[in-house]
N, C-alpha and C. Protein backbone atom coordinates (compact mmCIF):
# COMPACT_ATOMS: atom_id res chain seq x y z
N MET A 1 -5.25 -7.07 3.91
CA MET A 1 -5.40 -6.03 4.90
C MET A 1 -6.63 -5.19 4.65
N THR A 2 -6.97 -5.01 3.40
CA THR A 2 -8.15 -4.22 3.07
C THR A 2 -9.40 -4.86 3.64
N GLN A 3 -9.49 -6.18 3.57
CA GLN A 3 -10.67 -6.87 4.10
C GLN A 3 -10.76 -6.70 5.61
N ILE A 4 -9.63 -6.78 6.31
CA ILE A 4 -9.63 -6.57 7.76
C ILE A 4 -10.11 -5.16 8.08
N ARG A 5 -9.58 -4.18 7.32
CA ARG A 5 -9.97 -2.79 7.54
C ARG A 5 -11.46 -2.61 7.32
N ASN A 6 -12.00 -3.18 6.25
CA ASN A 6 -13.43 -3.05 5.97
C ASN A 6 -14.27 -3.65 7.08
N ASN A 7 -13.86 -4.81 7.59
CA ASN A 7 -14.61 -5.45 8.67
C ASN A 7 -14.59 -4.60 9.94
N LEU A 8 -13.43 -4.01 10.25
CA LEU A 8 -13.35 -3.18 11.45
C LEU A 8 -14.14 -1.89 11.29
N LEU A 9 -14.16 -1.32 10.10
CA LEU A 9 -14.90 -0.09 9.89
C LEU A 9 -16.39 -0.30 10.03
N SER A 10 -16.85 -1.50 9.72
CA SER A 10 -18.28 -1.76 9.82
C SER A 10 -18.71 -2.03 11.26
N SER A 11 -17.76 -2.28 12.15
CA SER A 11 -18.11 -2.52 13.55
C SER A 11 -18.08 -1.20 14.32
N ASN A 12 -18.12 -1.27 15.63
CA ASN A 12 -18.27 -0.05 16.43
C ASN A 12 -17.00 0.81 16.46
N LEU A 13 -17.12 2.00 17.00
CA LEU A 13 -16.00 2.96 17.03
C LEU A 13 -14.85 2.50 17.91
N ASP A 14 -15.12 1.72 18.95
CA ASP A 14 -14.04 1.23 19.81
C ASP A 14 -13.09 0.34 19.03
N ALA A 15 -13.63 -0.43 18.10
CA ALA A 15 -12.81 -1.31 17.28
C ALA A 15 -11.88 -0.50 16.38
N GLN A 16 -12.31 0.69 15.97
CA GLN A 16 -11.46 1.51 15.12
C GLN A 16 -10.21 1.94 15.88
N PHE A 17 -10.33 2.24 17.16
CA PHE A 17 -9.14 2.58 17.95
C PHE A 17 -8.19 1.40 18.00
N PHE A 18 -8.70 0.20 18.21
CA PHE A 18 -7.84 -0.98 18.27
C PHE A 18 -7.17 -1.24 16.92
N TYR A 19 -7.86 -0.86 15.86
CA TYR A 19 -7.25 -0.99 14.53
C TYR A 19 -5.97 -0.18 14.47
N TYR A 20 -6.05 1.08 14.90
CA TYR A 20 -4.89 1.97 14.86
C TYR A 20 -3.77 1.43 15.75
N GLU A 21 -4.15 0.92 16.89
CA GLU A 21 -3.17 0.43 17.86
C GLU A 21 -2.58 -0.92 17.46
N LYS A 22 -3.36 -1.82 16.92
CA LYS A 22 -2.92 -3.19 16.66
C LYS A 22 -2.56 -3.46 15.21
N VAL A 23 -3.26 -2.86 14.26
CA VAL A 23 -3.07 -3.21 12.86
C VAL A 23 -2.03 -2.33 12.18
N GLU A 24 -1.93 -1.06 12.59
CA GLU A 24 -0.93 -0.18 11.97
C GLU A 24 0.47 -0.77 12.04
N PRO A 25 0.88 -1.34 13.16
CA PRO A 25 2.22 -1.95 13.18
C PRO A 25 2.39 -3.08 12.16
N VAL A 26 1.30 -3.76 11.82
CA VAL A 26 1.37 -4.82 10.81
C VAL A 26 1.71 -4.20 9.44
N TYR A 27 1.06 -3.09 9.11
CA TYR A 27 1.37 -2.38 7.86
C TYR A 27 2.85 -2.01 7.83
N ARG A 28 3.33 -1.39 8.91
CA ARG A 28 4.72 -0.92 8.96
C ARG A 28 5.71 -2.08 8.90
N ASN A 29 5.42 -3.16 9.59
CA ASN A 29 6.31 -4.32 9.55
C ASN A 29 6.34 -4.95 8.16
N TYR A 30 5.19 -4.98 7.51
CA TYR A 30 5.12 -5.53 6.15
C TYR A 30 5.97 -4.68 5.20
N MET A 31 5.88 -3.35 5.34
CA MET A 31 6.71 -2.48 4.50
C MET A 31 8.19 -2.70 4.78
N ARG A 32 8.55 -2.86 6.06
CA ARG A 32 9.95 -3.13 6.43
C ARG A 32 10.45 -4.41 5.77
N LEU A 33 9.63 -5.45 5.80
CA LEU A 33 10.01 -6.74 5.19
C LEU A 33 10.20 -6.61 3.69
N LEU A 34 9.29 -5.93 3.02
CA LEU A 34 9.42 -5.74 1.58
C LEU A 34 10.70 -4.99 1.23
N ILE A 35 11.01 -3.96 2.00
CA ILE A 35 12.21 -3.17 1.75
C ILE A 35 13.46 -3.99 2.03
N ALA A 36 13.45 -4.74 3.13
CA ALA A 36 14.63 -5.55 3.49
C ALA A 36 14.90 -6.64 2.47
N GLU A 37 13.85 -7.30 1.99
CA GLU A 37 14.02 -8.41 1.05
C GLU A 37 14.09 -7.95 -0.40
N GLN A 38 13.61 -6.74 -0.66
CA GLN A 38 13.58 -6.17 -2.01
C GLN A 38 13.00 -7.15 -3.03
N TYR A 39 11.78 -7.59 -2.72
CA TYR A 39 11.05 -8.46 -3.64
C TYR A 39 10.83 -7.73 -4.97
N SER A 40 10.46 -8.46 -5.97
CA SER A 40 10.16 -7.88 -7.28
C SER A 40 9.09 -6.80 -7.14
N HIS A 41 9.36 -5.64 -7.68
CA HIS A 41 8.46 -4.49 -7.64
C HIS A 41 8.12 -4.07 -6.21
N PHE A 42 9.06 -4.25 -5.28
CA PHE A 42 8.78 -3.91 -3.88
C PHE A 42 8.47 -2.43 -3.70
N GLU A 43 9.05 -1.57 -4.54
CA GLU A 43 8.82 -0.15 -4.39
C GLU A 43 7.34 0.19 -4.57
N ARG A 44 6.74 -0.35 -5.62
CA ARG A 44 5.32 -0.08 -5.87
C ARG A 44 4.44 -0.65 -4.75
N GLN A 45 4.81 -1.82 -4.25
CA GLN A 45 4.03 -2.43 -3.17
C GLN A 45 4.13 -1.59 -1.89
N VAL A 46 5.32 -1.11 -1.58
CA VAL A 46 5.50 -0.30 -0.37
C VAL A 46 4.70 0.99 -0.49
N ILE A 47 4.76 1.63 -1.64
CA ILE A 47 3.99 2.87 -1.85
C ILE A 47 2.50 2.60 -1.69
N GLU A 48 2.01 1.52 -2.27
CA GLU A 48 0.59 1.18 -2.18
C GLU A 48 0.17 0.89 -0.74
N ILE A 49 0.99 0.15 -0.02
CA ILE A 49 0.68 -0.17 1.38
C ILE A 49 0.67 1.10 2.22
N ASN A 50 1.64 1.99 1.97
CA ASN A 50 1.68 3.24 2.72
C ASN A 50 0.45 4.09 2.43
N GLN A 51 0.00 4.11 1.18
CA GLN A 51 -1.21 4.86 0.86
C GLN A 51 -2.43 4.27 1.56
N GLN A 52 -2.50 2.95 1.64
CA GLN A 52 -3.60 2.30 2.35
C GLN A 52 -3.56 2.67 3.84
N LEU A 53 -2.36 2.70 4.41
CA LEU A 53 -2.21 3.07 5.82
C LEU A 53 -2.65 4.51 6.04
N GLN A 54 -2.28 5.41 5.15
CA GLN A 54 -2.66 6.82 5.29
C GLN A 54 -4.18 6.99 5.22
N VAL A 55 -4.82 6.28 4.32
CA VAL A 55 -6.28 6.33 4.22
C VAL A 55 -6.91 5.79 5.50
N ALA A 56 -6.38 4.69 6.01
CA ALA A 56 -6.91 4.10 7.24
C ALA A 56 -6.75 5.07 8.42
N GLN A 57 -5.62 5.76 8.49
CA GLN A 57 -5.41 6.73 9.56
C GLN A 57 -6.40 7.88 9.44
N LEU A 58 -6.65 8.35 8.23
CA LEU A 58 -7.60 9.44 8.01
C LEU A 58 -9.01 8.99 8.40
N GLU A 59 -9.39 7.79 8.01
CA GLU A 59 -10.71 7.27 8.36
C GLU A 59 -10.86 7.14 9.87
N ASP A 60 -9.79 6.70 10.54
CA ASP A 60 -9.84 6.58 11.99
C ASP A 60 -9.96 7.95 12.64
N TYR A 61 -9.21 8.91 12.13
CA TYR A 61 -9.25 10.27 12.67
C TYR A 61 -10.63 10.89 12.49
N LEU A 62 -11.21 10.73 11.32
CA LEU A 62 -12.52 11.31 11.02
C LEU A 62 -13.68 10.49 11.59
N LYS A 63 -13.36 9.27 12.05
CA LYS A 63 -14.39 8.36 12.58
C LYS A 63 -15.50 8.15 11.56
N CYS A 64 -15.08 7.91 10.33
CA CYS A 64 -16.05 7.74 9.25
C CYS A 64 -15.90 6.35 8.64
N GLY A 65 -16.75 6.06 7.71
CA GLY A 65 -16.68 4.81 6.98
C GLY A 65 -15.55 4.84 5.97
N LYS A 66 -15.61 3.94 5.06
CA LYS A 66 -14.55 3.81 4.06
C LYS A 66 -14.58 4.99 3.08
N LEU A 67 -13.45 5.70 2.98
CA LEU A 67 -13.31 6.82 2.05
C LEU A 67 -12.95 6.30 0.67
N ASP A 68 -13.42 6.99 -0.33
CA ASP A 68 -13.10 6.63 -1.71
C ASP A 68 -12.18 7.71 -2.27
N LEU A 69 -10.87 7.54 -2.06
CA LEU A 69 -9.88 8.53 -2.48
C LEU A 69 -9.12 8.03 -3.69
N VAL A 70 -8.57 8.95 -4.45
CA VAL A 70 -7.79 8.62 -5.64
C VAL A 70 -6.32 8.92 -5.33
N ALA A 71 -5.45 7.95 -5.56
CA ALA A 71 -4.02 8.15 -5.33
C ALA A 71 -3.48 9.16 -6.34
N LEU A 72 -2.47 9.93 -5.92
CA LEU A 72 -1.89 10.95 -6.80
C LEU A 72 -1.40 10.38 -8.12
N ASP A 73 -0.80 9.20 -8.08
CA ASP A 73 -0.24 8.63 -9.31
C ASP A 73 -1.31 8.12 -10.27
N LYS A 74 -2.57 8.14 -9.84
CA LYS A 74 -3.68 7.71 -10.70
C LYS A 74 -4.38 8.88 -11.39
N ILE A 75 -3.98 10.11 -11.06
CA ILE A 75 -4.60 11.29 -11.65
C ILE A 75 -3.90 11.58 -12.97
N ASP A 76 -4.66 11.66 -14.05
CA ASP A 76 -4.11 11.81 -15.39
C ASP A 76 -3.42 13.15 -15.63
N ASN A 77 -3.95 14.23 -15.11
CA ASN A 77 -3.40 15.54 -15.44
C ASN A 77 -2.17 15.91 -14.62
N LEU A 78 -1.53 14.98 -13.95
CA LEU A 78 -0.28 15.23 -13.25
C LEU A 78 0.93 14.90 -14.12
N ALA A 79 0.71 14.68 -15.41
CA ALA A 79 1.80 14.30 -16.30
C ALA A 79 2.91 15.34 -16.31
N GLY A 80 2.59 16.61 -16.09
CA GLY A 80 3.60 17.66 -16.08
C GLY A 80 4.36 17.76 -14.77
N ALA A 81 3.95 17.01 -13.76
CA ALA A 81 4.62 17.07 -12.46
C ALA A 81 6.02 16.49 -12.57
N SER A 82 6.93 17.05 -11.80
CA SER A 82 8.31 16.56 -11.81
C SER A 82 8.40 15.18 -11.18
N ALA A 83 7.77 15.00 -10.02
CA ALA A 83 7.80 13.70 -9.34
C ALA A 83 6.78 13.72 -8.20
N ILE A 84 6.40 12.55 -7.79
CA ILE A 84 5.59 12.39 -6.58
C ILE A 84 6.53 11.79 -5.54
N ILE A 85 6.68 12.45 -4.42
CA ILE A 85 7.60 12.01 -3.37
C ILE A 85 6.79 11.36 -2.25
N HIS A 86 7.17 10.15 -1.89
CA HIS A 86 6.55 9.42 -0.79
C HIS A 86 7.60 9.31 0.31
N ILE A 87 7.29 9.85 1.50
CA ILE A 87 8.20 9.78 2.64
C ILE A 87 7.53 8.91 3.69
N ILE A 88 8.22 7.83 4.06
CA ILE A 88 7.64 6.84 4.97
C ILE A 88 8.53 6.69 6.19
N ASP A 89 7.95 6.94 7.37
CA ASP A 89 8.67 6.81 8.63
C ASP A 89 8.48 5.38 9.15
N LEU A 90 9.57 4.64 9.21
CA LEU A 90 9.51 3.26 9.72
C LEU A 90 10.27 3.13 11.03
N ASP A 91 10.19 4.15 11.88
CA ASP A 91 10.80 4.21 13.20
C ASP A 91 12.33 4.31 13.16
N ASN A 92 13.03 3.32 12.63
CA ASN A 92 14.49 3.36 12.62
C ASN A 92 15.06 3.88 11.31
N THR A 93 14.22 4.05 10.30
CA THR A 93 14.65 4.62 9.02
C THR A 93 13.54 5.49 8.43
N ILE A 94 13.97 6.38 7.57
CA ILE A 94 13.03 7.13 6.75
C ILE A 94 13.24 6.63 5.33
N GLU A 95 12.18 6.17 4.71
CA GLU A 95 12.25 5.66 3.34
C GLU A 95 11.67 6.72 2.42
N VAL A 96 12.41 7.07 1.38
CA VAL A 96 11.97 8.08 0.42
C VAL A 96 11.87 7.43 -0.95
N PHE A 97 10.70 7.54 -1.56
CA PHE A 97 10.45 7.02 -2.89
C PHE A 97 10.07 8.18 -3.79
N ALA A 98 10.79 8.36 -4.88
CA ALA A 98 10.47 9.38 -5.87
C ALA A 98 9.88 8.67 -7.08
N GLN A 99 8.64 8.98 -7.39
CA GLN A 99 7.93 8.37 -8.51
C GLN A 99 7.90 9.40 -9.64
N LEU A 100 8.64 9.13 -10.72
CA LEU A 100 8.80 10.06 -11.82
C LEU A 100 7.66 9.93 -12.83
N PRO A 101 7.47 10.94 -13.69
CA PRO A 101 6.38 10.90 -14.68
C PRO A 101 6.45 9.68 -15.60
N ASP A 102 7.65 9.12 -15.83
CA ASP A 102 7.76 7.93 -16.68
C ASP A 102 7.47 6.64 -15.90
N TYR A 103 6.95 6.79 -14.67
CA TYR A 103 6.56 5.70 -13.77
C TYR A 103 7.74 4.94 -13.18
N SER A 104 8.97 5.40 -13.39
CA SER A 104 10.10 4.80 -12.71
C SER A 104 10.10 5.28 -11.27
N ILE A 105 10.65 4.47 -10.39
CA ILE A 105 10.68 4.78 -8.96
C ILE A 105 12.12 4.70 -8.49
N HIS A 106 12.54 5.73 -7.75
CA HIS A 106 13.86 5.75 -7.14
C HIS A 106 13.68 5.72 -5.63
N HIS A 107 14.47 4.90 -4.97
CA HIS A 107 14.33 4.67 -3.53
C HIS A 107 15.61 5.05 -2.81
N HIS A 108 15.46 5.73 -1.68
CA HIS A 108 16.60 6.04 -0.82
C HIS A 108 16.17 5.80 0.62
N SER A 109 17.05 5.20 1.38
CA SER A 109 16.79 4.91 2.78
C SER A 109 17.76 5.72 3.64
N ALA A 110 17.24 6.40 4.64
CA ALA A 110 18.08 7.19 5.55
C ALA A 110 17.88 6.69 6.96
N PRO A 111 18.92 6.14 7.57
CA PRO A 111 18.80 5.66 8.94
C PRO A 111 18.63 6.81 9.93
N LEU A 112 17.85 6.60 10.96
CA LEU A 112 17.67 7.60 12.00
C LEU A 112 18.63 7.30 13.14
N PHE A 113 19.32 8.32 13.55
CA PHE A 113 20.25 8.17 14.67
C PHE A 113 19.69 8.90 15.86
N ILE A 114 19.37 8.15 16.88
CA ILE A 114 18.80 8.73 18.09
C ILE A 114 19.92 8.91 19.09
N THR A 115 20.04 10.14 19.59
CA THR A 115 21.11 10.42 20.56
C THR A 115 20.57 10.60 21.93
């Protein structure tokens, strides 16, 4: 997905809109599949994919090239933090991942009920 994103960012601004419209659902569906199948280390993969999606959304919003951002869990001086919470909206569920200082990850899924 990173290669697709890089190719689209190097093309014109109209293509960036199509990225948001066409490619974002691919990210979300991939996260849904990983969560449903619970592949080995799926939690870390889902968090990483969500971070990539957030960066892509920011780049699309700012209409800029590729940003070089550092993920929170990669910053060394956050060792004293209680946890890093990742909240992911997948339309029919909200997925919550708590990443603790010992690098363990706890996952909770909350279904959305639309009335």
